Amino acid sequence: MIPAIFGLSGPTLTEDERAFFRDCDPAGYILFGRNIENRDQLRRLTDDLRSLDGRNNLPILIDQEGGRVARMKEPEWPAFPSGAAFDALYERAPASAIEAARLNAMALAAMLAEVGITVDCLPLLDVRQPGASDVIGDRALGSEPMRVAALGRAILSGLQAGGVVGIVKHIPGHGRALLDTHEALPTVVASDRELQTDLAPFAALRDAAMAMTCHVIFAAWDPDRPATLSPTVIDSVIRQRIGFHGLLMTDDLDMKALSGDVPSRAADAIAAGCDIALNCWARMEDMIGIANRLDPISTISRARLEGAMDRISGARAESGFAALVDQRDALLAMA
């Protein structure tokens, strides 16, 4: 197994993809809108991926946050609220907001598990800051760290109850970035003291199974390298100060925030301390390059991966999808 998660080019595996994936055995896969048509097609695709190496607990990821980040779309699947909806309810009724977030996540998990998806790139623990890029914006769970943590924990709990692993992101915090990392590399100039606000939700949820890095330079910690590629940030900040010891994956390595060729980015991220390199865009040349550059997954990274997936062994939501959505909507109406 290589420490990489790869994207797919379309709604079915090509013969080249099938042969390559069987040969290199990536740690998992990530799905996007280009891979999704309807329930039956999507279930066939995820079953096909599992058949390549026989792993029932194969990590098959998706970015299904709700709001503007949703790969499974209407009319085949219903729309879900963004993080801001739960933040707004928290202003009036904190306990109701936490319960609404949990129910929402259970409904998401039911929708994902039905089509064989096992990991959702959610929740965001980025603390929203005034003046920052809107790339986070209404996706955030708020601007108060412990509120973000409380809602984030409810989301992780709801996903896990429904048989889906959640990923906390974007560690150690994307909330201050003035630029969109899809397009450019931001530098955060806040002091170490100021950045404690950003770290707080991640520290509160340090026991999460998986986390995703951000391609952001933090001048207070490493003025030369973004967090994804910084041994200092990964070891001193993420592993030691935050205390996160679960599976750490990169954000998408194709983002313009990073420089150099994609295989080199993957190798540098693993060398810096990430467990998994995430490469989303299914360019065969890049995927082959990554497979050639990376050694087999380390013993500790494999244990973290297996431990994360073990958390959902046998889990399934107790309530039906419609009932979960109805209960969530009744609570959100209070806002």
Foldseek 3Di string as FASTA:
>chain_A
DFQAEEEAAALAHDPVRLVVCLVLVYQAYEYALRNDDAQVSLLVRLVSVCVSPVDLLRAYEYADAFDPGHRDDPPRDHGDHALLLLLVLCVPPVVLSLLLLLLSLLLVLLVQVSSPHAEYADDEQAAADPQADCPCPRNQNYNFNVSSLSSRVSNQNSNLLARHAYAYDAPPHDRRFRDDQLEAEGEDADAPVVSVRSNRSLLSVLVGLHYEHDQYHYCNFDNPGGCLQALRCVVVPNCPVSVRLAAYEYDAQNRPHDDDASLVSQLSSVVSPHQHYYHHNNPVVNVVSNSVNTDHGDPSNVVRSVVSSVSNVPRRHPDDSVVSVVSSVVSSVVD
